[in-house]
Amino acid sequence: MGAQSAKRTTQPVATAVEVPSLDPIETWVLFVVDDQTYALQLSEVERIVRAVEVKRLPEVPPHVRGVVNVQGRVLPVVDLRARFGERSRPIALDDHFIIARTAGLSLILAADSVLGSREVSGTTAPRGTGVPRCVRKVAPLDLGVVYALDLEQVLFGDESPTDSELARVLRELQAA
């Protein structure tokens, strides 16, 4: 027995080696619309507030609910339900507005709830998988699959943010 246990200790032991991920770590703000969790990069989120009354606009795409005046800035309110072809519902007082921005635009996303922020890595770009183009990345998390959004695609779809009719209307409202 003693000889056998000596042999066991001299044989190589297989150990797991942790390999650092090459994927960059991003901090996302997670929020829920219906039962789906979405995300924006933390750097895109200006702030989160309770929902308020939205002023309707004529001649805008169905996913643009209207506009809200936020400290002198007129921002479009985007309904993700309508954007993804789902049935819309009235904005409730306990909903949240996520005021978000990219280099050339600011907008508001209406959300049922906000879950907070989380560091995420190992995400994939969903091109060619049937996922809408406004989904920038997909990440499987403990709370399900999370879709990180591309704000310009959410608002303008396939139109150019500079040449779209919606962009023209928003510029006119900002100038008024």
C-alpha atoms as a PDB file:
ATOM      1  CA  MET A   1       0.000   0.000   0.000  1.00  0.00           C
ATOM      2  CA  GLY A   2       2.753   2.424   0.888  1.00  0.00           C
ATOM      3  CA  ALA A   3       4.399   1.933  -2.514  1.00  0.00           C
ATOM      4  CA  GLN A   4       1.135   2.504  -4.324  1.00  0.00           C
ATOM      5  CA  SER A   5       0.403   5.801  -2.597  1.00  0.00           C
ATOM      6  CA  ALA A   6       3.931   6.960  -3.417  1.00  0.00           C
ATOM      7  CA  LYS A   7       3.248   6.234  -7.093  1.00  0.00           C
ATOM      8  CA  ARG A   8       0.043   8.274  -7.002  1.00  0.00           C
ATOM      9  CA  THR A   9       1.796  11.303  -5.616  1.00  0.00           C
ATOM     10  CA  THR A  10       4.487  11.241  -8.280  1.00  0.00           C
ATOM     11  CA  GLN A  11       2.070  11.108 -11.224  1.00  0.00           C
ATOM     12  CA  PRO A  12       1.156  14.411 -12.825  1.00  0.00           C
ATOM     13  CA  VAL A  13      -1.990  16.018 -11.470  1.00  0.00           C
ATOM     14  CA  ALA A  14      -4.419  17.630 -13.927  1.00  0.00           C
ATOM     15  CA  THR A  15      -5.358  21.111 -12.806  1.00  0.00           C
ATOM     16  CA  ALA A  16      -7.572  23.709 -14.391  1.00  0.00           C
ATOM     17  CA  VAL A  17      -5.690  26.751 -15.566  1.00  0.00           C
ATOM     18  CA  GLU A  18      -7.702  29.926 -15.677  1.00  0.00           C
ATOM     19  CA  VAL A  19      -7.169  31.688 -18.974  1.00  0.00           C
ATOM     20  CA  PRO A  20      -8.014  35.381 -18.928  1.00  0.00           C
ATOM     21  CA  SER A  21     -10.833  36.349 -21.269  1.00  0.00           C
ATOM     22  CA  LEU A  22      -9.816  38.327 -24.336  1.00  0.00           C
ATOM     23  CA  ASP A  23     -13.278  39.911 -24.456  1.00  0.00           C
ATOM     24  CA  PRO A  24     -13.335  43.419 -23.021  1.00  0.00           C
ATOM     25  CA  ILE A  25     -15.404  43.938 -19.912  1.00  0.00           C
ATOM     26  CA  GLU A  26     -18.244  46.421 -20.421  1.00  0.00           C
ATOM     27  CA  THR A  27     -20.537  47.926 -17.821  1.00  0.00           C
ATOM     28  CA  TRP A  28     -24.169  47.717 -18.875  1.00  0.00           C
ATOM     29  CA  VAL A  29     -27.312  49.260 -17.436  1.00  0.00           C
ATOM     30  CA  LEU A  30     -29.954  46.520 -17.472  1.00  0.00           C
ATOM     31  CA  PHE A  31     -33.662  47.228 -17.860  1.00  0.00           C
ATOM     32  CA  VAL A  32     -36.830  45.268 -18.586  1.00  0.00           C
ATOM     33  CA  VAL A  33     -39.557  45.752 -21.174  1.00  0.00           C
ATOM     34  CA  ASP A  34     -42.281  43.123 -20.870  1.00  0.00           C
ATOM     35  CA  ASP A  35     -40.328  40.027 -19.837  1.00  0.00           C
ATOM     36  CA  GLN A  36     -37.207  40.765 -21.883  1.00  0.00           C
ATOM     37  CA  THR A  37     -34.036  42.248 -20.409  1.00  0.00           C
ATOM     38  CA  TYR A  38     -32.196  44.850 -22.481  1.00  0.00           C
ATOM     39  CA  ALA A  39     -29.003  46.785 -21.871  1.00  0.00           C
ATOM     40  CA  LEU A  40     -27.201  49.971 -22.749  1.00  0.00           C
ATOM     41  CA  GLN A  41     -23.561  50.721 -22.097  1.00  0.00           C
ATOM     42  CA  LEU A  42     -23.220  52.723 -18.902  1.00  0.00           C
ATOM     43  CA  SER A  43     -21.442  55.479 -20.840  1.00  0.00           C
ATOM     44  CA  GLU A  44     -24.610  55.933 -22.951  1.00  0.00           C
ATOM     45  CA  VAL A  45     -26.919  56.473 -19.962  1.00  0.00           C
ATOM     46  CA  GLU A  46     -27.266  60.045 -18.775  1.00  0.00           C
ATOM     47  CA  ARG A  47     -29.804  59.276 -16.048  1.00  0.00           C
ATOM     48  CA  ILE A  48     -32.920  57.347 -15.153  1.00  0.00           C
ATOM     49  CA  VAL A  49     -36.133  59.061 -14.059  1.00  0.00           C
ATOM     50  CA  ARG A  50     -39.765  58.190 -13.442  1.00  0.00           C
ATOM     51  CA  ALA A  51     -42.035  58.366 -16.470  1.00  0.00           C
ATOM     52  CA  VAL A  52     -43.905  61.587 -17.217  1.00  0.00           C
ATOM     53  CA  GLU A  53     -46.516  62.648 -19.745  1.00  0.00           C
ATOM     54  CA  VAL A  54     -45.379  62.372 -23.359  1.00  0.00           C
ATOM     55  CA  LYS A  55     -46.431  64.908 -26.007  1.00  0.00           C
ATOM     56  CA  ARG A  56     -47.509  63.177 -29.218  1.00  0.00           C
ATOM     57  CA  LEU A  57     -45.902  64.176 -32.509  1.00  0.00           C
ATOM     58  CA  PRO A  58     -47.491  63.905 -35.927  1.00  0.00           C
ATOM     59  CA  GLU A  59     -45.754  62.052 -38.744  1.00  0.00           C
ATOM     60  CA  VAL A  60     -43.242  60.057 -36.729  1.00  0.00           C
ATOM     61  CA  PRO A  61     -42.608  56.303 -36.848  1.00  0.00           C
ATOM     62  CA  PRO A  62     -44.900  54.200 -34.631  1.00  0.00           C
ATOM     63  CA  HIS A  63     -42.078  53.385 -32.200  1.00  0.00           C
ATOM     64  CA  VAL A  64     -41.633  57.071 -31.334  1.00  0.00           C
ATOM     65  CA  ARG A  65     -44.292  57.775 -28.695  1.00  0.00           C
ATOM     66  CA  GLY A  66     -43.685  61.510 -28.758  1.00  0.00           C
ATOM     67  CA  VAL A  67     -41.347  63.911 -26.996  1.00  0.00           C
ATOM     68  CA  VAL A  68     -40.532  65.105 -23.500  1.00  0.00           C
ATOM     69  CA  ASN A  69     -38.923  68.398 -22.518  1.00  0.00           C
ATOM     70  CA  VAL A  70     -35.959  67.590 -20.263  1.00  0.00           C
ATOM     71  CA  GLN A  71     -34.416  70.795 -18.920  1.00  0.00           C
ATOM     72  CA  GLY A  72     -34.952  72.633 -22.200  1.00  0.00           C
ATOM     73  CA  ARG A  73     -34.010  69.697 -24.432  1.00  0.00           C
ATOM     74  CA  VAL A  74     -36.774  68.094 -26.495  1.00  0.00           C
ATOM     75  CA  LEU A  75     -36.086  64.337 -26.523  1.00  0.00           C
ATOM     76  CA  PRO A  76     -37.932  61.602 -28.409  1.00  0.00           C
ATOM     77  CA  VAL A  77     -39.468  58.800 -26.337  1.00  0.00           C
ATOM     78  CA  VAL A  78     -38.963  55.377 -27.918  1.00  0.00           C
ATOM     79  CA  ASP A  79     -41.377  52.508 -27.275  1.00  0.00           C
ATOM     80  CA  LEU A  80     -39.347  49.291 -27.608  1.00  0.00           C
ATOM     81  CA  ARG A  81     -42.526  47.211 -27.795  1.00  0.00           C
ATOM     82  CA  ALA A  82     -43.568  49.018 -30.962  1.00  0.00           C
ATOM     83  CA  ARG A  83     -39.973  49.044 -32.261  1.00  0.00           C
ATOM     84  CA  PHE A  84     -39.888  45.243 -32.098  1.00  0.00           C
ATOM     85  CA  GLY A  85     -43.371  44.797 -33.570  1.00  0.00           C
ATOM     86  CA  GLU A  86     -45.116  44.003 -30.282  1.00  0.00           C
ATOM     87  CA  ARG A  87     -48.345  45.480 -28.983  1.00  0.00           C
ATOM     88  CA  SER A  88     -47.763  48.806 -27.280  1.00  0.00           C
ATOM     89  CA  ARG A  89     -49.297  49.813 -23.964  1.00  0.00           C
ATOM     90  CA  PRO A  90     -49.830  53.155 -22.272  1.00  0.00           C
ATOM     91  CA  ILE A  91     -46.896  54.445 -20.248  1.00  0.00           C
ATOM     92  CA  ALA A  92     -47.592  53.882 -16.551  1.00  0.00           C
ATOM     93  CA  LEU A  93     -46.583  56.182 -13.706  1.00  0.00           C
ATOM     94  CA  ASP A  94     -44.294  53.501 -12.243  1.00  0.00           C
ATOM     95  CA  ASP A  95     -42.433  53.044 -15.555  1.00  0.00           C
ATOM     96  CA  HIS A  96     -38.948  54.477 -15.959  1.00  0.00           C
ATOM     97  CA  PHE A  97     -37.446  56.714 -18.595  1.00  0.00           C
ATOM     98  CA  ILE A  98     -33.818  56.032 -19.455  1.00  0.00           C
ATOM     99  CA  ILE A  99     -32.283  59.210 -20.847  1.00  0.00           C
ATOM    100  CA  ALA A 100     -29.522  57.998 -23.121  1.00  0.00           C
ATOM    101  CA  ARG A 101     -27.080  59.528 -25.572  1.00  0.00           C
ATOM    102  CA  THR A 102     -24.602  58.704 -28.287  1.00  0.00           C
ATOM    103  CA  ALA A 103     -22.227  61.052 -30.081  1.00  0.00           C
ATOM    104  CA  GLY A 104     -24.932  62.708 -32.169  1.00  0.00           C
ATOM    105  CA  LEU A 105     -28.215  62.089 -30.421  1.00  0.00           C
ATOM    106  CA  SER A 106     -30.101  61.873 -27.148  1.00  0.00           C
ATOM    107  CA  LEU A 107     -33.318  59.958 -26.613  1.00  0.00           C
ATOM    108  CA  ILE A 108     -35.512  58.381 -23.974  1.00  0.00           C
ATOM    109  CA  LEU A 109     -36.276  54.670 -23.735  1.00  0.00           C
ATOM    110  CA  ALA A 110     -39.419  53.738 -21.834  1.00  0.00           C
ATOM    111  CA  ALA A 111     -38.819  50.754 -19.516  1.00  0.00           C
ATOM    112  CA  ASP A 112     -41.004  48.761 -17.139  1.00  0.00           C
ATOM    113  CA  SER A 113     -38.187  48.572 -14.598  1.00  0.00           C
ATOM    114  CA  VAL A 114     -34.451  49.153 -14.262  1.00  0.00           C
ATOM    115  CA  LEU A 115     -32.314  46.394 -12.756  1.00  0.00           C
ATOM    116  CA  GLY A 116     -29.114  48.360 -12.219  1.00  0.00           C
ATOM    117  CA  SER A 117     -25.653  48.007 -13.726  1.00  0.00           C
ATOM    118  CA  ARG A 118     -23.482  44.965 -14.296  1.00  0.00           C
ATOM    119  CA  GLU A 119     -20.062  44.220 -15.719  1.00  0.00           C
ATOM    120  CA  VAL A 120     -20.365  41.875 -18.693  1.00  0.00           C
ATOM    121  CA  SER A 121     -17.871  40.061 -20.919  1.00  0.00           C
ATOM    122  CA  GLY A 122     -18.124  37.245 -23.407  1.00  0.00           C
ATOM    123  CA  THR A 123     -20.790  38.902 -25.501  1.00  0.00           C
ATOM    124  CA  THR A 124     -21.438  38.170 -29.136  1.00  0.00           C
ATOM    125  CA  ALA A 125     -22.516  40.290 -32.062  1.00  0.00           C
ATOM    126  CA  PRO A 126     -25.724  38.712 -33.391  1.00  0.00           C
ATOM    127  CA  ARG A 127     -25.393  39.439 -37.122  1.00  0.00           C
ATOM    128  CA  GLY A 128     -27.270  37.044 -39.401  1.00  0.00           C
ATOM    129  CA  THR A 129     -29.118  35.312 -36.570  1.00  0.00           C
ATOM    130  CA  GLY A 130     -32.606  36.769 -36.994  1.00  0.00           C
ATOM    131  CA  VAL A 131     -32.003  39.270 -34.189  1.00  0.00           C
ATOM    132  CA  PRO A 132     -32.990  42.860 -35.110  1.00  0.00           C
ATOM    133  CA  ARG A 133     -30.170  45.097 -36.341  1.00  0.00           C
ATOM    134  CA  CYS A 134     -30.660  47.455 -33.423  1.00  0.00           C
ATOM    135  CA  VAL A 135     -29.335  44.720 -31.127  1.00  0.00           C
ATOM    136  CA  ARG A 136     -25.602  45.386 -30.846  1.00  0.00           C
ATOM    137  CA  LYS A 137     -24.647  42.428 -28.648  1.00  0.00           C
ATOM    138  CA  VAL A 138     -26.202  39.414 -26.936  1.00  0.00           C
ATOM    139  CA  ALA A 139     -25.134  38.037 -23.567  1.00  0.00           C
ATOM    140  CA  PRO A 140     -26.432  35.013 -21.683  1.00  0.00           C
ATOM    141  CA  LEU A 141     -26.649  36.065 -18.036  1.00  0.00           C
ATOM    142  CA  ASP A 142     -28.126  34.411 -14.979  1.00  0.00           C
ATOM    143  CA  LEU A 143     -31.346  36.338 -15.563  1.00  0.00           C
ATOM    144  CA  GLY A 144     -31.668  35.148 -19.172  1.00  0.00           C
ATOM    145  CA  VAL A 145     -30.499  36.408 -22.530  1.00  0.00           C
ATOM    146  CA  VAL A 146     -29.790  40.137 -22.532  1.00  0.00           C
ATOM    147  CA  TYR A 147     -29.867  42.278 -25.676  1.00  0.00           C
ATOM    148  CA  ALA A 148     -27.549  45.298 -25.715  1.00  0.00           C
ATOM    149  CA  LEU A 149     -29.024  47.976 -27.963  1.00  0.00           C
ATOM    150  CA  ASP A 150     -27.565  50.273 -30.607  1.00  0.00           C
ATOM    151  CA  LEU A 151     -29.337  53.575 -29.892  1.00  0.00           C
ATOM    152  CA  GLU A 152     -29.147  55.032 -33.402  1.00  0.00           C
ATOM    153  CA  GLN A 153     -30.549  51.822 -34.884  1.00  0.00           C
ATOM    154  CA  VAL A 154     -33.319  51.790 -32.263  1.00  0.00           C
ATOM    155  CA  LEU A 155     -34.428  55.290 -33.211  1.00  0.00           C
ATOM    156  CA  PHE A 156     -33.730  55.474 -36.948  1.00  0.00           C
ATOM    157  CA  GLY A 157     -33.681  51.863 -38.131  1.00  0.00           C
ATOM    158  CA  ASP A 158     -32.066  51.638 -41.548  1.00  0.00           C
ATOM    159  CA  GLU A 159     -32.344  55.371 -42.213  1.00  0.00           C
ATOM    160  CA  SER A 160     -29.375  57.659 -41.809  1.00  0.00           C
ATOM    161  CA  PRO A 161     -29.549  59.643 -38.557  1.00  0.00           C
ATOM    162  CA  THR A 162     -28.618  62.788 -40.461  1.00  0.00           C
ATOM    163  CA  ASP A 163     -30.946  62.371 -43.458  1.00  0.00           C
ATOM    164  CA  SER A 164     -34.103  60.871 -41.950  1.00  0.00           C
ATOM    165  CA  GLU A 165     -37.419  62.687 -41.725  1.00  0.00           C
ATOM    166  CA  LEU A 166     -37.481  61.960 -37.993  1.00  0.00           C
ATOM    167  CA  ALA A 167     -34.083  63.637 -37.551  1.00  0.00           C
ATOM    168  CA  ARG A 168     -35.396  66.697 -39.396  1.00  0.00           C
ATOM    169  CA  VAL A 169     -38.461  66.895 -37.109  1.00  0.00           C
ATOM    170  CA  LEU A 170     -36.300  66.516 -33.996  1.00  0.00           C
ATOM    171  CA  ARG A 171     -33.885  69.227 -35.163  1.00  0.00           C
ATOM    172  CA  GLU A 172     -36.806  71.595 -35.735  1.00  0.00           C
ATOM    173  CA  LEU A 173     -38.150  70.897 -32.255  1.00  0.00           C
ATOM    174  CA  GLN A 174     -34.712  71.488 -30.712  1.00  0.00           C
ATOM    175  CA  ALA A 175     -34.445  74.840 -32.524  1.00  0.00           C
ATOM    176  CA  ALA A 176     -37.921  76.035 -31.448  1.00  0.00           C
END
